[in-house]
Amino acid sequence: MTYASTHYICNDIKVITSYLVQGGESMNYVDDYMNEHCFPNRKRIITSQKVSEIFESIMDTGMNKFFKQWIKKVAGTDYICYDITSVSTYSDWITHAEYEYNRDHEDLKKINIGLFSSETTKIPVYYENYNGSLTDKMNLINVIKNIKDKGIKRVKIVMDEGFFDKERLLELFNSGLTFTIGMPGNLKLSKEIISDNNTDLYTSKYSTDYPNTFGKLIDYKLFGIEGKSLLD
């Protein structure tokens, strides 16, 4: 790709981004948007067909190169937050779209989208699409791999009890990542921890700044992993 063609594509992407930020959805109307707004030093109009060609020209290798450079620029020494959501689709042409549990209770295929953002600035630093049939728990190993591949270092993963699984916890521990996870209250292990440590939990010693809220941090070893357990 020549400098001239790269320059044109970069400018086209700026126009497309502006269109999306302003609330545009279907690319069928991007040419109307350009006719109604001022874009200095631009004479040619982008059509929906041109948008498709631009998107198709953006290959995985180019995206990965961009993300690695972008992460170095915006992440710095900040902690990176991660979250995942799903998007339903009517399309039969999206490779990652598959049937699985749908949070919106729609009888549609969905894709999973994972997003990493700076904790302080809230700026997105990286995203990845995943197969719609992958559960959050199953997808965790892909998240770990992508973190390492993209050079994201200061990561702390916070998970709800749905992720609680010996195999997953050991994967996280062996990867060197810091994590916090909720334990299901119905587990025998959870009940034992509570029974052994709750005698003085609801006392002034463990009160917090929030009314009627208490917290007790204890050293604990789980599945051979040394850490702390928080009772509240």
C-alpha atoms as a PDB file:
ATOM      1  CA  MET A   1       0.000   0.000   0.000  1.00  0.00           C
ATOM      2  CA  THR A   2       1.476   3.364  -1.067  1.00  0.00           C
ATOM      3  CA  TYR A   3       1.678   6.450   1.104  1.00  0.00           C
ATOM      4  CA  ALA A   4      -0.941   8.172  -1.041  1.00  0.00           C
ATOM      5  CA  SER A   5      -3.459   5.330  -0.689  1.00  0.00           C
ATOM      6  CA  THR A   6      -2.791   5.078   3.052  1.00  0.00           C
ATOM      7  CA  HIS A   7      -3.323   8.831   3.372  1.00  0.00           C
ATOM      8  CA  TYR A   8      -6.644   8.619   1.546  1.00  0.00           C
ATOM      9  CA  ILE A   9      -7.852   5.701   3.663  1.00  0.00           C
ATOM     10  CA  CYS A  10      -6.899   7.493   6.903  1.00  0.00           C
ATOM     11  CA  ASN A  11      -8.904  10.539   5.849  1.00  0.00           C
ATOM     12  CA  ASP A  12     -11.823   8.332   4.814  1.00  0.00           C
ATOM     13  CA  ILE A  13     -11.771   6.636   8.220  1.00  0.00           C
ATOM     14  CA  LYS A  14     -11.918  10.053   9.907  1.00  0.00           C
ATOM     15  CA  VAL A  15     -15.081  10.828   7.935  1.00  0.00           C
ATOM     16  CA  ILE A  16     -16.620   7.449   8.786  1.00  0.00           C
ATOM     17  CA  THR A  17     -15.748   7.946  12.467  1.00  0.00           C
ATOM     18  CA  SER A  18     -17.346  11.392  12.447  1.00  0.00           C
ATOM     19  CA  TYR A  19     -20.476   9.901  10.884  1.00  0.00           C
ATOM     20  CA  LEU A  20     -20.707   7.189  13.549  1.00  0.00           C
ATOM     21  CA  VAL A  21     -20.052   9.601  16.445  1.00  0.00           C
ATOM     22  CA  GLN A  22     -22.856  11.827  15.180  1.00  0.00           C
ATOM     23  CA  GLY A  23     -25.262   8.898  15.436  1.00  0.00           C
ATOM     24  CA  GLY A  24     -24.997   7.380  11.988  1.00  0.00           C
ATOM     25  CA  GLU A  25     -25.723   3.660  11.817  1.00  0.00           C
ATOM     26  CA  SER A  26     -26.307   2.346   8.307  1.00  0.00           C
ATOM     27  CA  MET A  27     -23.414   3.138   5.970  1.00  0.00           C
ATOM     28  CA  ASN A  28     -25.961   3.617   3.188  1.00  0.00           C
ATOM     29  CA  TYR A  29     -26.285   7.258   4.270  1.00  0.00           C
ATOM     30  CA  VAL A  30     -22.622   8.204   4.710  1.00  0.00           C
ATOM     31  CA  ASP A  31     -22.604  10.052   1.353  1.00  0.00           C
ATOM     32  CA  ASP A  32     -25.642  12.108   2.427  1.00  0.00           C
ATOM     33  CA  TYR A  33     -23.816  12.948   5.645  1.00  0.00           C
ATOM     34  CA  MET A  34     -20.801  14.220   3.701  1.00  0.00           C
ATOM     35  CA  ASN A  35     -22.978  16.380   1.465  1.00  0.00           C
ATOM     36  CA  GLU A  36     -24.611  17.975   4.511  1.00  0.00           C
ATOM     37  CA  HIS A  37     -21.398  18.659   6.459  1.00  0.00           C
ATOM     38  CA  CYS A  38     -18.168  20.496   5.782  1.00  0.00           C
ATOM     39  CA  PHE A  39     -14.961  18.498   5.323  1.00  0.00           C
ATOM     40  CA  PRO A  40     -12.185  20.930   4.300  1.00  0.00           C
ATOM     41  CA  ASN A  41      -9.956  19.965   1.370  1.00  0.00           C
ATOM     42  CA  ARG A  42     -12.137  16.993   0.473  1.00  0.00           C
ATOM     43  CA  LYS A  43     -13.765  16.778  -2.915  1.00  0.00           C
ATOM     44  CA  ARG A  44     -14.639  13.116  -3.330  1.00  0.00           C
ATOM     45  CA  ILE A  45     -17.679  11.564  -1.662  1.00  0.00           C
ATOM     46  CA  ILE A  46     -17.501   8.215   0.149  1.00  0.00           C
ATOM     47  CA  THR A  47     -20.220   5.742  -0.823  1.00  0.00           C
ATOM     48  CA  SER A  48     -21.395   2.727   1.165  1.00  0.00           C
ATOM     49  CA  GLN A  49     -19.596   0.530  -1.366  1.00  0.00           C
ATOM     50  CA  LYS A  50     -16.367   2.413  -0.671  1.00  0.00           C
ATOM     51  CA  VAL A  51     -16.871   1.954   3.067  1.00  0.00           C
ATOM     52  CA  SER A  52     -17.165  -1.824   2.524  1.00  0.00           C
ATOM     53  CA  GLU A  53     -13.934  -1.791   0.525  1.00  0.00           C
ATOM     54  CA  ILE A  54     -12.143   0.161   3.267  1.00  0.00           C
ATOM     55  CA  PHE A  55     -13.310  -2.223   5.993  1.00  0.00           C
ATOM     56  CA  GLU A  56     -12.291  -5.220   3.886  1.00  0.00           C
ATOM     57  CA  SER A  57      -8.813  -3.746   3.348  1.00  0.00           C
ATOM     58  CA  ILE A  58      -8.124  -3.549   7.091  1.00  0.00           C
ATOM     59  CA  MET A  59      -6.444  -6.895   7.795  1.00  0.00           C
ATOM     60  CA  ASP A  60      -5.753  -8.569  11.149  1.00  0.00           C
ATOM     61  CA  THR A  61      -2.002  -7.937  10.865  1.00  0.00           C
ATOM     62  CA  GLY A  62      -2.573  -4.209  10.423  1.00  0.00           C
ATOM     63  CA  MET A  63      -5.033  -4.119  13.320  1.00  0.00           C
ATOM     64  CA  ASN A  64      -2.639  -5.947  15.628  1.00  0.00           C
ATOM     65  CA  LYS A  65       0.193  -3.568  14.709  1.00  0.00           C
ATOM     66  CA  PHE A  66      -2.053  -0.578  15.423  1.00  0.00           C
ATOM     67  CA  PHE A  67      -3.249  -1.933  18.772  1.00  0.00           C
ATOM     68  CA  LYS A  68       0.284  -2.634  19.999  1.00  0.00           C
ATOM     69  CA  GLN A  69       1.350   0.908  19.155  1.00  0.00           C
ATOM     70  CA  TRP A  70      -1.861   2.396  20.568  1.00  0.00           C
ATOM     71  CA  ILE A  71      -1.516   0.451  23.830  1.00  0.00           C
ATOM     72  CA  LYS A  72       2.025   1.796  24.329  1.00  0.00           C
ATOM     73  CA  LYS A  73       0.772   5.339  23.726  1.00  0.00           C
ATOM     74  CA  VAL A  74      -2.365   5.453  25.896  1.00  0.00           C
ATOM     75  CA  ALA A  75      -1.948   2.730  28.529  1.00  0.00           C
ATOM     76  CA  GLY A  76       1.300   3.915  30.108  1.00  0.00           C
ATOM     77  CA  THR A  77       1.561   2.671  33.699  1.00  0.00           C
ATOM     78  CA  ASP A  78      -2.193   2.803  34.257  1.00  0.00           C
ATOM     79  CA  TYR A  79      -4.241  -0.220  35.225  1.00  0.00           C
ATOM     80  CA  ILE A  80      -6.367  -1.676  32.433  1.00  0.00           C
ATOM     81  CA  CYS A  81     -10.005  -2.642  32.971  1.00  0.00           C
ATOM     82  CA  TYR A  82     -11.703  -5.405  31.010  1.00  0.00           C
ATOM     83  CA  ASP A  83     -15.346  -6.117  30.319  1.00  0.00           C
ATOM     84  CA  ILE A  84     -17.273  -8.231  27.852  1.00  0.00           C
ATOM     85  CA  THR A  85     -20.692  -7.812  26.294  1.00  0.00           C
ATOM     86  CA  SER A  86     -22.675  -9.409  23.496  1.00  0.00           C
ATOM     87  CA  VAL A  87     -24.418  -7.974  20.444  1.00  0.00           C
ATOM     88  CA  SER A  88     -27.285  -9.721  18.655  1.00  0.00           C
ATOM     89  CA  THR A  89     -27.367  -9.851  14.874  1.00  0.00           C
ATOM     90  CA  TYR A  90     -29.660 -10.898  12.023  1.00  0.00           C
ATOM     91  CA  SER A  91     -26.666 -11.400   9.730  1.00  0.00           C
ATOM     92  CA  ASP A  92     -25.659 -14.787   8.370  1.00  0.00           C
ATOM     93  CA  TRP A  93     -22.318 -13.414   7.157  1.00  0.00           C
ATOM     94  CA  ILE A  94     -20.573 -12.601  10.447  1.00  0.00           C
ATOM     95  CA  THR A  95     -18.064 -15.370  11.185  1.00  0.00           C
ATOM     96  CA  HIS A  96     -18.202 -15.034  14.976  1.00  0.00           C
ATOM     97  CA  ALA A  97     -22.019 -14.908  15.167  1.00  0.00           C
ATOM     98  CA  GLU A  98     -23.378 -18.045  16.853  1.00  0.00           C
ATOM     99  CA  TYR A  99     -26.367 -19.146  18.899  1.00  0.00           C
ATOM    100  CA  GLU A 100     -25.944 -19.333  22.679  1.00  0.00           C
ATOM    101  CA  TYR A 101     -27.603 -17.902  25.771  1.00  0.00           C
ATOM    102  CA  ASN A 102     -28.811 -14.420  24.833  1.00  0.00           C
ATOM    103  CA  ARG A 103     -28.818 -11.793  27.606  1.00  0.00           C
ATOM    104  CA  ASP A 104     -31.546  -9.868  25.801  1.00  0.00           C
ATOM    105  CA  HIS A 105     -33.650 -13.030  25.412  1.00  0.00           C
ATOM    106  CA  GLU A 106     -33.696 -12.647  21.615  1.00  0.00           C
ATOM    107  CA  ASP A 107     -33.814 -15.650  19.303  1.00  0.00           C
ATOM    108  CA  LEU A 108     -30.810 -14.357  17.382  1.00  0.00           C
ATOM    109  CA  LYS A 109     -27.172 -15.178  16.865  1.00  0.00           C
ATOM    110  CA  LYS A 110     -24.742 -13.047  18.825  1.00  0.00           C
ATOM    111  CA  ILE A 111     -21.102 -12.095  18.952  1.00  0.00           C
ATOM    112  CA  ASN A 112     -19.094 -11.386  22.087  1.00  0.00           C
ATOM    113  CA  ILE A 113     -17.036  -8.199  22.279  1.00  0.00           C
ATOM    114  CA  GLY A 114     -14.292  -7.797  24.867  1.00  0.00           C
ATOM    115  CA  LEU A 115     -13.037  -4.280  25.614  1.00  0.00           C
ATOM    116  CA  PHE A 116      -9.929  -3.131  27.494  1.00  0.00           C
ATOM    117  CA  SER A 117      -9.922   0.466  28.764  1.00  0.00           C
ATOM    118  CA  SER A 118      -7.642   2.687  30.826  1.00  0.00           C
ATOM    119  CA  GLU A 119      -8.826   2.843  34.434  1.00  0.00           C
ATOM    120  CA  THR A 120      -7.973   6.539  34.807  1.00  0.00           C
ATOM    121  CA  THR A 121      -8.733   8.087  31.403  1.00  0.00           C
ATOM    122  CA  LYS A 122     -11.463   5.589  30.392  1.00  0.00           C
ATOM    123  CA  ILE A 123      -9.918   5.557  26.894  1.00  0.00           C
ATOM    124  CA  PRO A 124     -10.387   2.220  25.061  1.00  0.00           C
ATOM    125  CA  VAL A 125      -7.017   0.612  24.361  1.00  0.00           C
ATOM    126  CA  TYR A 126      -8.004  -2.667  22.711  1.00  0.00           C
ATOM    127  CA  TYR A 127     -11.010  -4.751  21.724  1.00  0.00           C
ATOM    128  CA  GLU A 128     -11.545  -8.256  20.386  1.00  0.00           C
ATOM    129  CA  ASN A 129     -14.499 -10.125  18.898  1.00  0.00           C
ATOM    130  CA  TYR A 130     -15.189 -13.649  20.136  1.00  0.00           C
ATOM    131  CA  ASN A 131     -17.471 -16.443  19.002  1.00  0.00           C
ATOM    132  CA  GLY A 132     -21.020 -15.996  20.264  1.00  0.00           C
ATOM    133  CA  SER A 133     -21.168 -19.537  21.645  1.00  0.00           C
ATOM    134  CA  LEU A 134     -18.269 -18.949  24.044  1.00  0.00           C
ATOM    135  CA  THR A 135     -19.355 -18.353  27.629  1.00  0.00           C
ATOM    136  CA  ASP A 136     -17.506 -15.739  29.674  1.00  0.00           C
ATOM    137  CA  LYS A 137     -15.842 -18.493  31.684  1.00  0.00           C
ATOM    138  CA  MET A 138     -14.686 -20.425  28.603  1.00  0.00           C
ATOM    139  CA  ASN A 139     -13.448 -17.214  26.980  1.00  0.00           C
ATOM    140  CA  LEU A 140     -11.148 -16.324  29.868  1.00  0.00           C
ATOM    141  CA  ILE A 141      -8.198 -18.225  28.373  1.00  0.00           C
ATOM    142  CA  ASN A 142      -8.541 -16.153  25.164  1.00  0.00           C
ATOM    143  CA  VAL A 143      -8.506 -12.980  27.244  1.00  0.00           C
ATOM    144  CA  ILE A 144      -5.268 -14.024  28.953  1.00  0.00           C
ATOM    145  CA  LYS A 145      -3.648 -14.840  25.607  1.00  0.00           C
ATOM    146  CA  ASN A 146      -4.650 -11.501  24.089  1.00  0.00           C
ATOM    147  CA  ILE A 147      -3.353  -9.595  27.108  1.00  0.00           C
ATOM    148  CA  LYS A 148       0.088 -11.134  26.633  1.00  0.00           C
ATOM    149  CA  ASP A 149       0.121 -10.852  22.830  1.00  0.00           C
ATOM    150  CA  LYS A 150      -0.706  -7.145  22.889  1.00  0.00           C
ATOM    151  CA  GLY A 151       1.794  -6.243  25.602  1.00  0.00           C
ATOM    152  CA  ILE A 152      -0.802  -5.212  28.197  1.00  0.00           C
ATOM    153  CA  LYS A 153       0.927  -5.584  31.561  1.00  0.00           C
ATOM    154  CA  ARG A 154      -0.798  -3.870  34.489  1.00  0.00           C
ATOM    155  CA  VAL A 155      -4.034  -5.839  34.568  1.00  0.00           C
ATOM    156  CA  LYS A 156      -6.223  -6.817  37.476  1.00  0.00           C
ATOM    157  CA  ILE A 157      -9.228  -8.925  36.572  1.00  0.00           C
ATOM    158  CA  VAL A 158     -12.343  -8.618  38.751  1.00  0.00           C
ATOM    159  CA  MET A 159     -14.899 -11.391  38.265  1.00  0.00           C
ATOM    160  CA  ASP A 160     -18.245 -12.381  39.722  1.00  0.00           C
ATOM    161  CA  GLU A 161     -18.992 -15.825  41.157  1.00  0.00           C
ATOM    162  CA  GLY A 162     -19.958 -17.146  37.730  1.00  0.00           C
ATOM    163  CA  PHE A 163     -16.231 -17.446  36.929  1.00  0.00           C
ATOM    164  CA  PHE A 164     -15.429 -19.429  40.071  1.00  0.00           C
ATOM    165  CA  ASP A 165     -13.791 -22.622  38.844  1.00  0.00           C
ATOM    166  CA  LYS A 166     -10.590 -24.344  39.975  1.00  0.00           C
ATOM    167  CA  GLU A 167      -9.218 -24.724  36.455  1.00  0.00           C
ATOM    168  CA  ARG A 168      -9.850 -21.064  35.575  1.00  0.00           C
ATOM    169  CA  LEU A 169      -8.322 -19.788  38.825  1.00  0.00           C
ATOM    170  CA  LEU A 170      -5.175 -21.832  38.265  1.00  0.00           C
ATOM    171  CA  GLU A 171      -4.938 -20.502  34.682  1.00  0.00           C
ATOM    172  CA  LEU A 172      -5.067 -16.944  36.000  1.00  0.00           C
ATOM    173  CA  PHE A 173      -2.542 -17.654  38.752  1.00  0.00           C
ATOM    174  CA  ASN A 174      -0.092 -19.359  36.392  1.00  0.00           C
ATOM    175  CA  SER A 175      -0.371 -16.461  33.944  1.00  0.00           C
ATOM    176  CA  GLY A 176       0.909 -14.086  36.628  1.00  0.00           C
ATOM    177  CA  LEU A 177      -2.208 -11.894  36.596  1.00  0.00           C
ATOM    178  CA  THR A 178      -3.752 -10.355  39.711  1.00  0.00           C
ATOM    179  CA  PHE A 179      -7.419 -11.117  40.197  1.00  0.00           C
ATOM    180  CA  THR A 180     -10.365 -10.764  42.556  1.00  0.00           C
ATOM    181  CA  ILE A 181     -13.292 -13.167  42.360  1.00  0.00           C
ATOM    182  CA  GLY A 182     -16.526 -13.714  44.225  1.00  0.00           C
ATOM    183  CA  MET A 183     -17.144 -17.126  45.782  1.00  0.00           C
ATOM    184  CA  PRO A 184     -20.599 -18.706  45.470  1.00  0.00           C
ATOM    185  CA  GLY A 185     -22.182 -18.664  48.912  1.00  0.00           C
ATOM    186  CA  ASN A 186     -23.648 -22.159  48.537  1.00  0.00           C
ATOM    187  CA  LEU A 187     -20.262 -23.871  48.281  1.00  0.00           C
ATOM    188  CA  LYS A 188     -19.171 -26.014  51.209  1.00  0.00           C
ATOM    189  CA  LEU A 189     -15.832 -24.205  51.127  1.00  0.00           C
ATOM    190  CA  SER A 190     -17.520 -20.804  51.400  1.00  0.00           C
ATOM    191  CA  LYS A 191     -19.613 -21.936  54.350  1.00  0.00           C
ATOM    192  CA  GLU A 192     -16.516 -23.259  56.129  1.00  0.00           C
ATOM    193  CA  ILE A 193     -14.658 -19.951  55.686  1.00  0.00           C
ATOM    194  CA  ILE A 194     -17.628 -18.005  57.011  1.00  0.00           C
ATOM    195  CA  SER A 195     -18.169 -20.376  59.936  1.00  0.00           C
ATOM    196  CA  ASP A 196     -14.513 -20.183  61.003  1.00  0.00           C
ATOM    197  CA  ASN A 197     -14.207 -16.386  60.806  1.00  0.00           C
ATOM    198  CA  ASN A 198     -17.560 -14.692  61.408  1.00  0.00           C
ATOM    199  CA  THR A 199     -17.690 -14.664  65.223  1.00  0.00           C
ATOM    200  CA  ASP A 200     -16.561 -11.036  65.481  1.00  0.00           C
ATOM    201  CA  LEU A 201     -17.350  -9.879  61.937  1.00  0.00           C
ATOM    202  CA  TYR A 202     -20.243  -7.599  62.891  1.00  0.00           C
ATOM    203  CA  THR A 203     -18.320  -5.547  65.425  1.00  0.00           C
ATOM    204  CA  SER A 204     -16.808  -2.068  65.371  1.00  0.00           C
ATOM    205  CA  LYS A 205     -13.415  -3.621  64.674  1.00  0.00           C
ATOM    206  CA  TYR A 206     -14.509  -4.493  61.142  1.00  0.00           C
ATOM    207  CA  SER A 207     -16.951  -1.668  60.438  1.00  0.00           C
ATOM    208  CA  THR A 208     -16.473   0.346  57.233  1.00  0.00           C
ATOM    209  CA  ASP A 209     -17.228   3.923  56.218  1.00  0.00           C
ATOM    210  CA  TYR A 210     -20.614   2.751  54.946  1.00  0.00           C
ATOM    211  CA  PRO A 211     -23.570   2.369  57.359  1.00  0.00           C
ATOM    212  CA  ASN A 212     -24.215  -1.198  58.570  1.00  0.00           C
ATOM    213  CA  THR A 213     -21.430  -2.548  56.349  1.00  0.00           C
ATOM    214  CA  PHE A 214     -18.609  -4.716  57.664  1.00  0.00           C
ATOM    215  CA  GLY A 215     -15.544  -6.299  56.089  1.00  0.00           C
ATOM    216  CA  LYS A 216     -12.919  -8.701  57.366  1.00  0.00           C
ATOM    217  CA  LEU A 217      -9.791  -9.563  55.367  1.00  0.00           C
ATOM    218  CA  ILE A 218      -8.127 -12.881  56.199  1.00  0.00           C
ATOM    219  CA  ASP A 219      -5.120 -14.709  54.785  1.00  0.00           C
ATOM    220  CA  TYR A 220      -6.237 -17.780  52.907  1.00  0.00           C
ATOM    221  CA  LYS A 221      -4.842 -20.476  50.611  1.00  0.00           C
ATOM    222  CA  LEU A 222      -7.166 -21.751  47.889  1.00  0.00           C
ATOM    223  CA  PHE A 223      -6.228 -24.537  45.430  1.00  0.00           C
ATOM    224  CA  GLY A 224      -2.600 -23.926  46.426  1.00  0.00           C
ATOM    225  CA  ILE A 225      -2.897 -20.209  45.655  1.00  0.00           C
ATOM    226  CA  GLU A 226      -1.966 -17.881  48.521  1.00  0.00           C
ATOM    227  CA  GLY A 227      -4.164 -14.814  48.803  1.00  0.00           C
ATOM    228  CA  LYS A 228      -6.768 -13.116  50.930  1.00  0.00           C
ATOM    229  CA  SER A 229     -10.454 -13.715  51.510  1.00  0.00           C
ATOM    230  CA  LEU A 230     -12.828 -10.860  52.230  1.00  0.00           C
ATOM    231  CA  LEU A 231     -15.881 -11.541  54.374  1.00  0.00           C
ATOM    232  CA  ASP A 232     -18.650  -8.939  54.318  1.00  0.00           C
END
